[in-house]
Structure formats: C-alpha cells, structure tokens
Amino acid sequence: FNIGANVRFSVTETTARVYRKVWEMAC
C-alpha cells in the first residue's frame, strides 16, 4: 500500500471534505 495523500493546510483552513478525503486515501 503506497498511497501518499500528502497535503498541507492550516488546521483552520482544513475543511471536513479535505480531512475525510485524506483519511480515505491514506488510511
């Protein structure tokens, strides 16, 4: 399993959609 999903956002700019998408991809 080699999916990265490395993104950088300030926590106040991290939308629920971004957080969920990164979790879906990387975990």
PDB file of all heavy atoms in Angstrom:
ATOM      1  N   PHE A   1       0.867  -1.187   0.000  1.00  0.00           N
ATOM      2  CA  PHE A   1       0.000   0.000   0.000  1.00  0.00           C
ATOM      3  C   PHE A   1       0.893   1.223   0.000  1.00  0.00           C
ATOM      4  O   PHE A   1       1.630   1.482   0.951  1.00  0.00           O
ATOM      5  CB  PHE A   1      -0.910   0.005   1.224  1.00  0.00           C
ATOM      6  CG  PHE A   1      -1.855   1.181   1.239  1.00  0.00           C
ATOM      7  CD1 PHE A   1      -2.953   1.210   0.409  1.00  0.00           C
ATOM      8  CD2 PHE A   1      -1.613   2.271   2.067  1.00  0.00           C
ATOM      9  CE1 PHE A   1      -3.814   2.308   0.390  1.00  0.00           C
ATOM     10  CE2 PHE A   1      -2.469   3.362   2.061  1.00  0.00           C
ATOM     11  CZ  PHE A   1      -3.571   3.380   1.223  1.00  0.00           C
ATOM     12  N   ASN A   2       0.835   2.002  -1.086  1.00  0.00           N
ATOM     13  CA  ASN A   2       1.808   3.073  -1.285  1.00  0.00           C
ATOM     14  C   ASN A   2       1.158   4.414  -1.613  1.00  0.00           C
ATOM     15  O   ASN A   2       1.775   5.269  -2.235  1.00  0.00           O
ATOM     16  CB  ASN A   2       2.780   2.656  -2.417  1.00  0.00           C
ATOM     17  CG  ASN A   2       3.933   3.608  -2.571  1.00  0.00           C
ATOM     18  OD1 ASN A   2       4.715   3.815  -1.652  1.00  0.00           O
ATOM     19  ND2 ASN A   2       4.047   4.223  -3.743  1.00  0.00           N
ATOM     20  N   ILE A   3      -0.084   4.626  -1.184  1.00  0.00           N
ATOM     21  CA  ILE A   3      -0.742   5.908  -1.452  1.00  0.00           C
ATOM     22  C   ILE A   3      -0.220   6.960  -0.473  1.00  0.00           C
ATOM     23  O   ILE A   3      -0.125   6.712   0.731  1.00  0.00           O
ATOM     24  CB  ILE A   3      -2.270   5.770  -1.330  1.00  0.00           C
ATOM     25  CG1 ILE A   3      -2.798   4.876  -2.469  1.00  0.00           C
ATOM     26  CG2 ILE A   3      -2.945   7.135  -1.369  1.00  0.00           C
ATOM     27  CD1 ILE A   3      -4.295   4.650  -2.423  1.00  0.00           C
ATOM     28  N   GLY A   4       0.109   8.135  -0.992  1.00  0.00           N
ATOM     29  CA  GLY A   4       0.685   9.193  -0.157  1.00  0.00           C
ATOM     30  C   GLY A   4      -0.352  10.110   0.478  1.00  0.00           C
ATOM     31  O   GLY A   4      -0.559  10.098   1.673  1.00  0.00           O
ATOM     32  N   ALA A   5      -1.016  10.930  -0.320  1.00  0.00           N
ATOM     33  CA  ALA A   5      -2.021  11.899   0.152  1.00  0.00           C
ATOM     34  C   ALA A   5      -1.412  12.989   1.025  1.00  0.00           C
ATOM     35  O   ALA A   5      -2.015  13.456   1.981  1.00  0.00           O
ATOM     36  CB  ALA A   5      -3.149  11.198   0.906  1.00  0.00           C
ATOM     37  N   ASN A   6      -0.205  13.407   0.692  1.00  0.00           N
ATOM     38  CA  ASN A   6       0.486  14.432   1.471  1.00  0.00           C
ATOM     39  C   ASN A   6      -0.010  15.816   1.058  1.00  0.00           C
ATOM     40  O   ASN A   6       0.329  16.320  -0.017  1.00  0.00           O
ATOM     41  CB  ASN A   6       1.991  14.324   1.237  1.00  0.00           C
ATOM     42  CG  ASN A   6       2.796  15.244   2.131  1.00  0.00           C
ATOM     43  OD1 ASN A   6       2.257  16.157   2.740  1.00  0.00           O
ATOM     44  ND2 ASN A   6       4.089  15.016   2.201  1.00  0.00           N
ATOM     45  N   VAL A   7      -0.817  16.431   1.903  1.00  0.00           N
ATOM     46  CA  VAL A   7      -1.308  17.785   1.643  1.00  0.00           C
ATOM     47  C   VAL A   7      -1.035  18.657   2.865  1.00  0.00           C
ATOM     48  O   VAL A   7      -0.933  18.157   3.989  1.00  0.00           O
ATOM     49  CB  VAL A   7      -2.811  17.802   1.313  1.00  0.00           C
ATOM     50  CG1 VAL A   7      -3.106  17.013   0.051  1.00  0.00           C
ATOM     51  CG2 VAL A   7      -3.632  17.270   2.475  1.00  0.00           C
ATOM     52  N   ARG A   8      -0.917  19.945   2.632  1.00  0.00           N
ATOM     53  CA  ARG A   8      -0.634  20.862   3.730  1.00  0.00           C
ATOM     54  C   ARG A   8      -1.662  21.985   3.755  1.00  0.00           C
ATOM     55  O   ARG A   8      -1.831  22.716   2.781  1.00  0.00           O
ATOM     56  CB  ARG A   8       0.778  21.446   3.594  1.00  0.00           C
ATOM     57  CG  ARG A   8       1.168  22.319   4.778  1.00  0.00           C
ATOM     58  CD  ARG A   8       2.618  22.757   4.692  1.00  0.00           C
ATOM     59  NE  ARG A   8       3.040  23.426   5.910  1.00  0.00           N
ATOM     60  CZ  ARG A   8       4.284  23.843   6.153  1.00  0.00           C
ATOM     61  NH1 ARG A   8       5.222  23.651   5.249  1.00  0.00           N
ATOM     62  NH2 ARG A   8       4.575  24.438   7.281  1.00  0.00           N
ATOM     63  N   PHE A   9      -2.362  22.108   4.884  1.00  0.00           N
ATOM     64  CA  PHE A   9      -3.316  23.176   5.119  1.00  0.00           C
ATOM     65  C   PHE A   9      -3.223  23.571   6.585  1.00  0.00           C
ATOM     66  O   PHE A   9      -3.063  22.712   7.452  1.00  0.00           O
ATOM     67  CB  PHE A   9      -4.761  22.719   4.850  1.00  0.00           C
ATOM     68  CG  PHE A   9      -5.109  22.484   3.417  1.00  0.00           C
ATOM     69  CD1 PHE A   9      -5.095  21.210   2.891  1.00  0.00           C
ATOM     70  CD2 PHE A   9      -5.462  23.546   2.597  1.00  0.00           C
ATOM     71  CE1 PHE A   9      -5.433  20.980   1.576  1.00  0.00           C
ATOM     72  CE2 PHE A   9      -5.803  23.326   1.274  1.00  0.00           C
ATOM     73  CZ  PHE A   9      -5.781  22.048   0.758  1.00  0.00           C
ATOM     74  N   SER A  10      -3.374  24.852   6.860  1.00  0.00           N
ATOM     75  CA  SER A  10      -3.578  25.266   8.238  1.00  0.00           C
ATOM     76  C   SER A  10      -4.794  24.541   8.783  1.00  0.00           C
ATOM     77  O   SER A  10      -5.753  24.282   8.049  1.00  0.00           O
ATOM     78  CB  SER A  10      -3.804  26.784   8.298  1.00  0.00           C
ATOM     79  OG  SER A  10      -4.393  27.153   9.532  1.00  0.00           O
ATOM     80  N   VAL A  11      -4.763  24.227  10.080  1.00  0.00           N
ATOM     81  CA  VAL A  11      -5.890  23.476  10.635  1.00  0.00           C
ATOM     82  C   VAL A  11      -7.193  24.248  10.482  1.00  0.00           C
ATOM     83  O   VAL A  11      -8.264  23.658  10.268  1.00  0.00           O
ATOM     84  CB  VAL A  11      -5.625  23.100  12.115  1.00  0.00           C
ATOM     85  CG1 VAL A  11      -5.621  24.340  13.008  1.00  0.00           C
ATOM     86  CG2 VAL A  11      -6.661  22.089  12.600  1.00  0.00           C
ATOM     87  N   THR A  12      -7.142  25.572  10.541  1.00  0.00           N
ATOM     88  CA  THR A  12      -8.368  26.359  10.403  1.00  0.00           C
ATOM     89  C   THR A  12      -8.850  26.410   8.956  1.00  0.00           C
ATOM     90  O   THR A  12      -9.988  26.794   8.706  1.00  0.00           O
ATOM     91  CB  THR A  12      -8.159  27.790  10.924  1.00  0.00           C
ATOM     92  OG1 THR A  12      -7.098  28.409  10.199  1.00  0.00           O
ATOM     93  CG2 THR A  12      -7.849  27.777  12.412  1.00  0.00           C
ATOM     94  N   GLU A  13      -8.006  26.030   8.020  1.00  0.00           N
ATOM     95  CA  GLU A  13      -8.380  26.010   6.608  1.00  0.00           C
ATOM     96  C   GLU A  13      -8.635  24.591   6.106  1.00  0.00           C
ATOM     97  O   GLU A  13      -8.918  24.383   4.924  1.00  0.00           O
ATOM     98  CB  GLU A  13      -7.280  26.661   5.771  1.00  0.00           C
ATOM     99  CG  GLU A  13      -7.095  28.143   6.081  1.00  0.00           C
ATOM    100  CD  GLU A  13      -5.910  28.745   5.355  1.00  0.00           C
ATOM    101  OE1 GLU A  13      -5.131  27.968   4.753  1.00  0.00           O
ATOM    102  OE2 GLU A  13      -5.763  29.980   5.373  1.00  0.00           O
ATOM    103  N   THR A  14      -8.522  23.611   6.995  1.00  0.00           N
ATOM    104  CA  THR A  14      -8.761  22.219   6.617  1.00  0.00           C
ATOM    105  C   THR A  14     -10.255  21.933   6.703  1.00  0.00           C
ATOM    106  O   THR A  14     -10.825  21.886   7.795  1.00  0.00           O
ATOM    107  CB  THR A  14      -7.987  21.253   7.540  1.00  0.00           C
ATOM    108  OG1 THR A  14      -6.587  21.548   7.458  1.00  0.00           O
ATOM    109  CG2 THR A  14      -8.228  19.807   7.138  1.00  0.00           C
ATOM    110  N   THR A  15     -10.866  21.764   5.559  1.00  0.00           N
ATOM    111  CA  THR A  15     -12.305  21.503   5.533  1.00  0.00           C
ATOM    112  C   THR A  15     -12.573  20.037   5.919  1.00  0.00           C
ATOM    113  O   THR A  15     -11.687  19.180   5.860  1.00  0.00           O
ATOM    114  CB  THR A  15     -12.882  21.756   4.139  1.00  0.00           C
ATOM    115  OG1 THR A  15     -12.291  20.828   3.217  1.00  0.00           O
ATOM    116  CG2 THR A  15     -12.591  23.181   3.676  1.00  0.00           C
ATOM    117  N   ALA A  16     -13.804  19.782   6.280  1.00  0.00           N
ATOM    118  CA  ALA A  16     -14.188  18.407   6.584  1.00  0.00           C
ATOM    119  C   ALA A  16     -13.976  17.513   5.369  1.00  0.00           C
ATOM    120  O   ALA A  16     -13.554  16.352   5.500  1.00  0.00           O
ATOM    121  CB  ALA A  16     -15.647  18.357   7.024  1.00  0.00           C
ATOM    122  N   ARG A  17     -14.226  18.045   4.189  1.00  0.00           N
ATOM    123  CA  ARG A  17     -14.054  17.260   2.964  1.00  0.00           C
ATOM    124  C   ARG A  17     -12.592  16.891   2.761  1.00  0.00           C
ATOM    125  O   ARG A  17     -12.274  15.747   2.412  1.00  0.00           O
ATOM    126  CB  ARG A  17     -14.571  18.045   1.757  1.00  0.00           C
ATOM    127  CG  ARG A  17     -14.449  17.301   0.443  1.00  0.00           C
ATOM    128  CD  ARG A  17     -15.038  18.103  -0.710  1.00  0.00           C
ATOM    129  NE  ARG A  17     -14.936  17.390  -1.975  1.00  0.00           N
ATOM    130  CZ  ARG A  17     -13.857  17.404  -2.754  1.00  0.00           C
ATOM    131  NH1 ARG A  17     -12.790  18.121  -2.409  1.00  0.00           N
ATOM    132  NH2 ARG A  17     -13.839  16.713  -3.892  1.00  0.00           N
ATOM    133  N   VAL A  18     -11.683  17.848   2.976  1.00  0.00           N
ATOM    134  CA  VAL A  18     -10.254  17.559   2.828  1.00  0.00           C
ATOM    135  C   VAL A  18      -9.810  16.512   3.840  1.00  0.00           C
ATOM    136  O   VAL A  18      -9.124  15.537   3.497  1.00  0.00           O
ATOM    137  CB  VAL A  18      -9.416  18.853   2.986  1.00  0.00           C
ATOM    138  CG1 VAL A  18      -7.936  18.522   3.189  1.00  0.00           C
ATOM    139  CG2 VAL A  18      -9.586  19.743   1.762  1.00  0.00           C
ATOM    140  N   TYR A  19     -10.197  16.710   5.096  1.00  0.00           N
ATOM    141  CA  TYR A  19      -9.764  15.769   6.133  1.00  0.00           C
ATOM    142  C   TYR A  19     -10.269  14.361   5.821  1.00  0.00           C
ATOM    143  O   TYR A  19      -9.522  13.387   5.921  1.00  0.00           O
ATOM    144  CB  TYR A  19     -10.273  16.222   7.502  1.00  0.00           C
ATOM    145  CG  TYR A  19      -9.561  15.526   8.643  1.00  0.00           C
ATOM    146  CD1 TYR A  19      -8.465  16.104   9.264  1.00  0.00           C
ATOM    147  CD2 TYR A  19      -9.989  14.275   9.076  1.00  0.00           C
ATOM    148  CE1 TYR A  19      -7.791  15.457  10.298  1.00  0.00           C
ATOM    149  CE2 TYR A  19      -9.336  13.619  10.110  1.00  0.00           C
ATOM    150  CZ  TYR A  19      -8.239  14.222  10.718  1.00  0.00           C
ATOM    151  OH  TYR A  19      -7.581  13.570  11.725  1.00  0.00           O
ATOM    152  N   ARG A  20     -11.534  14.272   5.441  1.00  0.00           N
ATOM    153  CA  ARG A  20     -12.119  12.969   5.149  1.00  0.00           C
ATOM    154  C   ARG A  20     -11.459  12.327   3.929  1.00  0.00           C
ATOM    155  O   ARG A  20     -11.159  11.130   3.923  1.00  0.00           O
ATOM    156  CB  ARG A  20     -13.623  13.114   4.919  1.00  0.00           C
ATOM    157  CG  ARG A  20     -14.357  11.788   4.760  1.00  0.00           C
ATOM    158  CD  ARG A  20     -15.855  12.007   4.556  1.00  0.00           C
ATOM    159  NE  ARG A  20     -16.467  12.673   5.715  1.00  0.00           N
ATOM    160  CZ  ARG A  20     -16.940  13.911   5.711  1.00  0.00           C
ATOM    161  NH1 ARG A  20     -16.868  14.641   4.597  1.00  0.00           N
ATOM    162  NH2 ARG A  20     -17.470  14.432   6.790  1.00  0.00           N
ATOM    163  N   LYS A  21     -11.208  13.130   2.896  1.00  0.00           N
ATOM    164  CA  LYS A  21     -10.607  12.591   1.675  1.00  0.00           C
ATOM    165  C   LYS A  21      -9.199  12.078   1.934  1.00  0.00           C
ATOM    166  O   LYS A  21      -8.814  11.009   1.446  1.00  0.00           O
ATOM    167  CB  LYS A  21     -10.586  13.674   0.590  1.00  0.00           C
ATOM    168  CG  LYS A  21     -10.044  13.189  -0.745  1.00  0.00           C
ATOM    169  CD  LYS A  21     -10.117  14.277  -1.797  1.00  0.00           C
ATOM    170  CE  LYS A  21      -9.559  13.787  -3.132  1.00  0.00           C
ATOM    171  NZ  LYS A  21      -9.604  14.845  -4.166  1.00  0.00           N
ATOM    172  N   VAL A  22      -8.420  12.826   2.708  1.00  0.00           N
ATOM    173  CA  VAL A  22      -7.048  12.392   3.021  1.00  0.00           C
ATOM    174  C   VAL A  22      -7.082  11.097   3.818  1.00  0.00           C
ATOM    175  O   VAL A  22      -6.309  10.165   3.565  1.00  0.00           O
ATOM    176  CB  VAL A  22      -6.284  13.500   3.773  1.00  0.00           C
ATOM    177  CG1 VAL A  22      -4.951  12.982   4.302  1.00  0.00           C
ATOM    178  CG2 VAL A  22      -6.063  14.700   2.856  1.00  0.00           C
ATOM    179  N   TRP A  23      -7.992  11.017   4.798  1.00  0.00           N
ATOM    180  CA  TRP A  23      -8.114   9.789   5.582  1.00  0.00           C
ATOM    181  C   TRP A  23      -8.521   8.615   4.700  1.00  0.00           C
ATOM    182  O   TRP A  23      -7.981   7.503   4.826  1.00  0.00           O
ATOM    183  CB  TRP A  23      -9.146   9.985   6.699  1.00  0.00           C
ATOM    184  CG  TRP A  23      -9.443   8.712   7.436  1.00  0.00           C
ATOM    185  CD1 TRP A  23      -8.686   8.106   8.397  1.00  0.00           C
ATOM    186  CD2 TRP A  23     -10.579   7.861   7.237  1.00  0.00           C
ATOM    187  NE1 TRP A  23      -9.281   6.935   8.812  1.00  0.00           N
ATOM    188  CE2 TRP A  23     -10.445   6.765   8.119  1.00  0.00           C
ATOM    189  CE3 TRP A  23     -11.697   7.934   6.409  1.00  0.00           C
ATOM    190  CZ2 TRP A  23     -11.382   5.749   8.186  1.00  0.00           C
ATOM    191  CZ3 TRP A  23     -12.646   6.909   6.477  1.00  0.00           C
ATOM    192  CH2 TRP A  23     -12.478   5.836   7.355  1.00  0.00           C
ATOM    193  N   GLU A  24      -9.463   8.838   3.780  1.00  0.00           N
ATOM    194  CA  GLU A  24      -9.891   7.762   2.890  1.00  0.00           C
ATOM    195  C   GLU A  24      -8.734   7.269   2.029  1.00  0.00           C
ATOM    196  O   GLU A  24      -8.561   6.058   1.832  1.00  0.00           O
ATOM    197  CB  GLU A  24     -11.027   8.241   1.986  1.00  0.00           C
ATOM    198  CG  GLU A  24     -12.360   8.411   2.685  1.00  0.00           C
ATOM    199  CD  GLU A  24     -13.423   8.949   1.756  1.00  0.00           C
ATOM    200  OE1 GLU A  24     -13.067   9.439   0.657  1.00  0.00           O
ATOM    201  OE2 GLU A  24     -14.612   8.883   2.114  1.00  0.00           O
ATOM    202  N   MET A  25      -7.929   8.202   1.522  1.00  0.00           N
ATOM    203  CA  MET A  25      -6.835   7.825   0.634  1.00  0.00           C
ATOM    204  C   MET A  25      -5.694   7.150   1.386  1.00  0.00           C
ATOM    205  O   MET A  25      -5.175   6.111   0.960  1.00  0.00           O
ATOM    206  CB  MET A  25      -6.309   9.067  -0.102  1.00  0.00           C
ATOM    207  CG  MET A  25      -7.272   9.651  -1.106  1.00  0.00           C
ATOM    208  SD  MET A  25      -6.684  11.210  -1.794  1.00  0.00           S
ATOM    209  CE  MET A  25      -5.197  10.680  -2.628  1.00  0.00           C
ATOM    210  N   ALA A  26      -5.283   7.747   2.500  1.00  0.00           N
ATOM    211  CA  ALA A  26      -4.062   7.302   3.176  1.00  0.00           C
ATOM    212  C   ALA A  26      -4.289   6.242   4.238  1.00  0.00           C
ATOM    213  O   ALA A  26      -3.318   5.620   4.683  1.00  0.00           O
ATOM    214  CB  ALA A  26      -3.348   8.505   3.801  1.00  0.00           C
ATOM    215  N   CYS A  27      -5.524   6.021   4.655  1.00  0.00           N
ATOM    216  CA  CYS A  27      -5.780   5.029   5.699  1.00  0.00           C
ATOM    217  C   CYS A  27      -6.883   4.039   5.321  1.00  0.00           C
ATOM    218  O   CYS A  27      -6.644   2.831   5.297  1.00  0.00           O
ATOM    219  CB  CYS A  27      -6.134   5.720   7.012  1.00  0.00           C
ATOM    220  SG  CYS A  27      -6.427   4.548   8.353  1.00  0.00           S
TER     221      CYS A  27
END
